[in-house]
C-alpha atoms as a PDB file:
ATOM      1  CA  MET A   1      43.044 -86.688 137.551  1.00  0.00           C
ATOM      2  CA  THR A   2      46.493 -87.741 139.000  1.00  0.00           C
ATOM      3  CA  LYS A   3      50.046 -86.964 137.662  1.00  0.00           C
ATOM      4  CA  GLU A   4      50.345 -90.534 136.678  1.00  0.00           C
ATOM      5  CA  ASN A   5      47.186 -90.521 134.685  1.00  0.00           C
ATOM      6  CA  VAL A   6      48.153 -87.458 132.555  1.00  0.00           C
ATOM      7  CA  ILE A   7      51.629 -88.892 132.167  1.00  0.00           C
ATOM      8  CA  LYS A   8      50.038 -91.952 130.820  1.00  0.00           C
ATOM      9  CA  ILE A   9      47.739 -90.174 128.459  1.00  0.00           C
ATOM     10  CA  LEU A  10      50.782 -88.098 127.196  1.00  0.00           C
ATOM     11  CA  GLU A  11      52.558 -91.196 126.340  1.00  0.00           C
ATOM     12  CA  GLU A  12      49.690 -92.729 124.677  1.00  0.00           C
ATOM     13  CA  ILE A  13      49.188 -89.375 122.599  1.00  0.00           C
ATOM     14  CA  ALA A  14      53.104 -89.790 121.711  1.00  0.00           C
ATOM     15  CA  VAL A  15      52.419 -93.505 120.188  1.00  0.00           C
ATOM     16  CA  LEU A  16      48.982 -92.617 118.759  1.00  0.00           C
ATOM     17  CA  LEU A  17      50.816 -89.667 116.782  1.00  0.00           C
ATOM     18  CA  GLU A  18      53.657 -92.308 115.564  1.00  0.00           C
ATOM     19  CA  LEU A  19      51.067 -94.556 114.344  1.00  0.00           C
ATOM     20  CA  SER A  20      49.294 -91.885 112.448  1.00  0.00           C
ATOM     21  CA  GLY A  21      52.581 -90.980 110.605  1.00  0.00           C
ATOM     22  CA  GLU A  22      52.654 -87.604 112.222  1.00  0.00           C
ATOM     23  CA  ASN A  23      55.872 -85.443 112.572  1.00  0.00           C
ATOM     24  CA  PRO A  24      58.069 -87.227 114.665  1.00  0.00           C
ATOM     25  CA  PHE A  25      58.883 -83.908 116.470  1.00  0.00           C
ATOM     26  CA  LYS A  26      55.588 -83.694 117.613  1.00  0.00           C
ATOM     27  CA  SER A  27      55.629 -87.109 118.966  1.00  0.00           C
ATOM     28  CA  ARG A  28      58.733 -86.501 120.699  1.00  0.00           C
ATOM     29  CA  ALA A  29      57.176 -83.320 122.449  1.00  0.00           C
ATOM     30  CA  TYR A  30      54.751 -85.281 124.212  1.00  0.00           C
ATOM     31  CA  GLN A  31      57.331 -87.852 125.269  1.00  0.00           C
ATOM     32  CA  ASN A  32      59.606 -85.287 126.643  1.00  0.00           C
ATOM     33  CA  ALA A  33      56.536 -83.587 128.494  1.00  0.00           C
ATOM     34  CA  ALA A  34      55.593 -86.790 130.089  1.00  0.00           C
ATOM     35  CA  ARG A  35      59.221 -87.413 131.212  1.00  0.00           C
ATOM     36  CA  ASN A  36      59.624 -84.046 132.717  1.00  0.00           C
ATOM     37  CA  LEU A  37      56.145 -84.624 134.590  1.00  0.00           C
ATOM     38  CA  GLU A  38      57.640 -87.583 136.086  1.00  0.00           C
ATOM     39  CA  LYS A  39      60.545 -85.521 137.547  1.00  0.00           C
ATOM     40  CA  LEU A  40      58.328 -83.216 138.960  1.00  0.00           C
ATOM     41  CA  ASP A  41      57.760 -83.187 142.687  1.00  0.00           C
ATOM     42  CA  ALA A  42      54.979 -80.322 142.959  1.00  0.00           C
ATOM     43  CA  ASP A  43      51.310 -81.543 142.750  1.00  0.00           C
ATOM     44  CA  ILE A  44      49.962 -81.197 139.094  1.00  0.00           C
ATOM     45  CA  ILE A  45      46.466 -80.104 139.986  1.00  0.00           C
ATOM     46  CA  ASP A  46      47.972 -77.003 142.165  1.00  0.00           C
ATOM     47  CA  MET A  47      50.204 -76.136 139.152  1.00  0.00           C
ATOM     48  CA  VAL A  48      47.238 -76.074 136.667  1.00  0.00           C
ATOM     49  CA  LYS A  49      45.182 -74.215 139.270  1.00  0.00           C
ATOM     50  CA  GLU A  50      47.988 -71.604 139.708  1.00  0.00           C
ATOM     51  CA  ASP A  51      48.787 -71.634 135.822  1.00  0.00           C
ATOM     52  CA  ARG A  52      52.258 -72.889 136.537  1.00  0.00           C
ATOM     53  CA  LEU A  53      52.616 -75.686 133.874  1.00  0.00           C
ATOM     54  CA  ALA A  54      54.967 -73.421 131.656  1.00  0.00           C
ATOM     55  CA  GLU A  55      57.410 -73.572 133.974  1.00  0.00           C
ATOM     56  CA  VAL A  56      58.085 -77.283 133.331  1.00  0.00           C
ATOM     57  CA  PRO A  57      60.462 -77.804 130.602  1.00  0.00           C
ATOM     58  CA  GLY A  58      59.114 -79.270 127.629  1.00  0.00           C
ATOM     59  CA  ILE A  59      55.534 -77.983 128.170  1.00  0.00           C
ATOM     60  CA  GLY A  60      54.792 -75.465 125.538  1.00  0.00           C
ATOM     61  CA  GLU A  61      51.436 -73.502 124.990  1.00  0.00           C
ATOM     62  CA  ALA A  62      49.736 -76.278 123.235  1.00  0.00           C
ATOM     63  CA  ILE A  63      50.448 -79.257 125.638  1.00  0.00           C
ATOM     64  CA  ASN A  64      49.699 -76.972 128.602  1.00  0.00           C
ATOM     65  CA  LYS A  65      46.157 -76.315 127.431  1.00  0.00           C
ATOM     66  CA  LYS A  66      45.750 -80.060 126.872  1.00  0.00           C
ATOM     67  CA  ILE A  67      46.917 -80.940 130.315  1.00  0.00           C
ATOM     68  CA  LYS A  68      44.904 -78.074 131.853  1.00  0.00           C
ATOM     69  CA  GLU A  69      41.533 -79.395 129.866  1.00  0.00           C
ATOM     70  CA  LEU A  70      42.376 -83.009 131.160  1.00  0.00           C
ATOM     71  CA  VAL A  71      42.756 -82.174 134.787  1.00  0.00           C
ATOM     72  CA  GLU A  72      39.880 -79.772 134.814  1.00  0.00           C
ATOM     73  CA  THR A  73      37.677 -81.986 132.870  1.00  0.00           C
ATOM     74  CA  GLY A  74      39.290 -85.308 133.143  1.00  0.00           C
ATOM     75  CA  LYS A  75      38.728 -85.814 129.486  1.00  0.00           C
ATOM     76  CA  LEU A  76      40.815 -84.655 126.655  1.00  0.00           C
ATOM     77  CA  ALA A  77      39.052 -84.357 123.075  1.00  0.00           C
ATOM     78  CA  TYR A  78      42.479 -84.184 121.012  1.00  0.00           C
ATOM     79  CA  TYR A  79      43.285 -87.596 122.612  1.00  0.00           C
ATOM     80  CA  GLU A  80      39.968 -89.024 122.067  1.00  0.00           C
ATOM     81  CA  SER A  81      40.181 -87.744 118.434  1.00  0.00           C
ATOM     82  CA  LEU A  82      43.295 -89.471 117.810  1.00  0.00           C
ATOM     83  CA  LYS A  83      42.347 -92.447 119.466  1.00  0.00           C
ATOM     84  CA  SER A  84      39.360 -92.855 117.064  1.00  0.00           C
ATOM     85  CA  SER A  85      41.327 -91.890 114.098  1.00  0.00           C
ATOM     86  CA  ILE A  86      43.646 -95.191 114.232  1.00  0.00           C
ATOM     87  CA  PRO A  87      42.270 -98.537 113.365  1.00  0.00           C
ATOM     88  CA  PRO A  88      41.947-100.389 117.144  1.00  0.00           C
ATOM     89  CA  GLY A  89      44.021-103.127 115.671  1.00  0.00           C
ATOM     90  CA  HIS A  90      47.127-100.994 115.474  1.00  0.00           C
ATOM     91  CA  LEU A  91      47.023-100.639 119.446  1.00  0.00           C
ATOM     92  CA  GLU A  92      46.843-104.538 119.502  1.00  0.00           C
ATOM     93  CA  MET A  93      49.937-104.598 117.131  1.00  0.00           C
ATOM     94  CA  LEU A  94      52.093-102.889 119.552  1.00  0.00           C
ATOM     95  CA  LYS A  95      51.990-105.828 121.718  1.00  0.00           C
ATOM     96  CA  ILE A  96      54.284-107.663 119.119  1.00  0.00           C
ATOM     97  CA  THR A  97      57.810-107.777 120.159  1.00  0.00           C
ATOM     98  CA  GLY A  98      59.784-105.727 117.675  1.00  0.00           C
ATOM     99  CA  LEU A  99      56.979-104.158 115.869  1.00  0.00           C
ATOM    100  CA  GLY A 100      56.746-100.261 116.928  1.00  0.00           C
ATOM    101  CA  PRO A 101      54.497 -97.456 115.833  1.00  0.00           C
ATOM    102  CA  LYS A 102      56.467 -96.637 112.857  1.00  0.00           C
ATOM    103  CA  LYS A 103      56.582-100.125 111.227  1.00  0.00           C
ATOM    104  CA  ILE A 104      52.711-100.591 112.085  1.00  0.00           C
ATOM    105  CA  HIS A 105      52.044 -97.084 110.106  1.00  0.00           C
ATOM    106  CA  ALA A 106      54.368 -98.560 107.109  1.00  0.00           C
ATOM    107  CA  LEU A 107      52.314-101.675 107.126  1.00  0.00           C
ATOM    108  CA  TYR A 108      48.952 -99.650 107.061  1.00  0.00           C
ATOM    109  CA  GLU A 109      50.228 -97.206 104.445  1.00  0.00           C
ATOM    110  CA  GLN A 110      51.698 -99.761 101.979  1.00  0.00           C
ATOM    111  CA  LEU A 111      49.434-103.032 102.638  1.00  0.00           C
ATOM    112  CA  GLY A 112      46.511-101.488 104.205  1.00  0.00           C
ATOM    113  CA  ILE A 113      46.973-103.589 107.389  1.00  0.00           C
ATOM    114  CA  LYS A 114      44.599-102.715 110.219  1.00  0.00           C
ATOM    115  CA  THR A 115      44.409-105.864 112.140  1.00  0.00           C
ATOM    116  CA  MET A 116      46.505-108.342 113.744  1.00  0.00           C
ATOM    117  CA  GLY A 117      44.864-111.067 111.790  1.00  0.00           C
ATOM    118  CA  GLU A 118      45.341-109.289 108.447  1.00  0.00           C
ATOM    119  CA  LEU A 119      49.070-108.912 109.438  1.00  0.00           C
ATOM    120  CA  GLU A 120      49.415-112.738 110.190  1.00  0.00           C
ATOM    121  CA  TYR A 121      47.617-113.350 106.917  1.00  0.00           C
ATOM    122  CA  ALA A 122      50.162-110.973 104.990  1.00  0.00           C
ATOM    123  CA  CYS A 123      53.112-112.668 106.911  1.00  0.00           C
ATOM    124  CA  HIS A 124      51.676-116.334 105.504  1.00  0.00           C
ATOM    125  CA  GLU A 125      51.587-114.976 102.036  1.00  0.00           C
ATOM    126  CA  ASN A 126      55.339-113.510 102.263  1.00  0.00           C
ATOM    127  CA  ARG A 127      53.841-109.932 101.376  1.00  0.00           C
ATOM    128  CA  LEU A 128      56.074-108.168 104.099  1.00  0.00           C
ATOM    129  CA  VAL A 129      59.414-109.593 102.390  1.00  0.00           C
ATOM    130  CA  GLU A 130      59.221-107.201  99.620  1.00  0.00           C
ATOM    131  CA  LEU A 131      58.469-103.907 101.751  1.00  0.00           C
ATOM    132  CA  LYS A 132      61.297-101.165 102.478  1.00  0.00           C
ATOM    133  CA  GLY A 133      62.631-102.110 106.162  1.00  0.00           C
ATOM    134  CA  PHE A 134      61.127-105.504 106.156  1.00  0.00           C
ATOM    135  CA  GLY A 135      62.543-108.889 105.207  1.00  0.00           C
ATOM    136  CA  LYS A 136      62.289-112.553 105.831  1.00  0.00           C
ATOM    137  CA  LYS A 137      63.875-112.262 109.193  1.00  0.00           C
ATOM    138  CA  THR A 138      61.381-109.551 110.328  1.00  0.00           C
ATOM    139  CA  GLN A 139      58.288-111.195 108.944  1.00  0.00           C
ATOM    140  CA  ASP A 140      59.582-114.524 110.731  1.00  0.00           C
ATOM    141  CA  ASN A 141      59.856-112.504 113.791  1.00  0.00           C
ATOM    142  CA  ILE A 142      56.470-110.778 113.691  1.00  0.00           C
ATOM    143  CA  LEU A 143      54.860-114.371 112.836  1.00  0.00           C
ATOM    144  CA  ALA A 144      56.483-115.576 116.257  1.00  0.00           C
ATOM    145  CA  GLY A 145      55.378-112.363 117.896  1.00  0.00           C
ATOM    146  CA  ILE A 146      51.843-112.895 116.938  1.00  0.00           C
ATOM    147  CA  GLU A 147      51.826-116.428 118.330  1.00  0.00           C
ATOM    148  CA  LYS A 148      53.122-115.181 121.357  1.00  0.00           C
ATOM    149  CA  VAL A 149      50.594-112.632 121.885  1.00  0.00           C
ATOM    150  CA  LYS A 150      48.024-115.233 121.270  1.00  0.00           C
ATOM    151  CA  LEU A 151      49.384-117.566 123.923  1.00  0.00           C
ATOM    152  CA  TYR A 152      49.367-114.656 126.391  1.00  0.00           C
ATOM    153  CA  ASN A 153      46.134-113.768 125.464  1.00  0.00           C
ATOM    154  CA  THR A 154      44.696-116.987 126.654  1.00  0.00           C
ATOM    155  CA  ARG A 155      46.674-116.700 130.100  1.00  0.00           C
ATOM    156  CA  ARG A 156      45.294-114.810 133.121  1.00  0.00           C
ATOM    157  CA  LEU A 157      47.204-113.541 136.158  1.00  0.00           C
ATOM    158  CA  TYR A 158      46.322-115.033 139.504  1.00  0.00           C
ATOM    159  CA  ALA A 159      44.926-112.199 141.162  1.00  0.00           C
ATOM    160  CA  GLU A 160      42.276-112.086 138.144  1.00  0.00           C
ATOM    161  CA  VAL A 161      41.373-115.809 138.582  1.00  0.00           C
ATOM    162  CA  ALA A 162      41.893-116.378 142.211  1.00  0.00           C
ATOM    163  CA  THR A 163      38.330-115.558 143.569  1.00  0.00           C
ATOM    164  CA  ASP A 164      36.556-117.416 140.733  1.00  0.00           C
ATOM    165  CA  ALA A 165      39.002-120.539 141.454  1.00  0.00           C
ATOM    166  CA  ARG A 166      38.269-120.363 145.059  1.00  0.00           C
ATOM    167  CA  GLU A 167      34.403-120.178 144.450  1.00  0.00           C
ATOM    168  CA  LEU A 168      34.536-123.261 141.827  1.00  0.00           C
ATOM    169  CA  LEU A 169      36.765-125.345 144.413  1.00  0.00           C
ATOM    170  CA  SER A 170      34.189-124.453 147.220  1.00  0.00           C
ATOM    171  CA  SER A 171      31.460-125.409 145.158  1.00  0.00           C
ATOM    172  CA  LEU A 172      32.831-128.777 144.190  1.00  0.00           C
ATOM    173  CA  GLU A 173      33.718-129.647 147.764  1.00  0.00           C
ATOM    174  CA  ASN A 174      30.082-128.969 148.785  1.00  0.00           C
ATOM    175  CA  ASN A 175      28.887-131.246 146.131  1.00  0.00           C
ATOM    176  CA  LYS A 176      28.405-134.764 147.200  1.00  0.00           C
ATOM    177  CA  ASP A 177      28.393-136.052 143.757  1.00  0.00           C
ATOM    178  CA  VAL A 178      31.932-134.869 143.125  1.00  0.00           C
END
């Protein structure tokens, strides 16, 4: 387990806590712990072995235990539990520009929206306009964001497709009928 992996999981926990409507201070504690670990020059594995994580500002007893579990086992039960408690569509909705964890949680609480498809349908029915913190402009921006996500989901990075493209080109070049 690398420091970068630990930081990534702490940041994801912060987002998952916001998505679940947890106390904002709890979410912020995980964000701060991740930020402080980024600044750390020492090896996180050594710090865990030497029980020195508490020296890092922003890492209290609870987060210390979670980092220790993560480094020692490669897994974190708390993280897995949090992930399973959030509808999977909520993580996908985070890709929509201008739609953060708090708004996604509000949509879930007030309209029961669990997926991007349900969100798009609610926008087309103008159900977001009446919600506190939303309006016509926000609804239109969300619809535009959904379209962008759909567009980008169909595109692939060059590095992802280069090998397949070369194989296809090679087979076409070797085929006498083409």
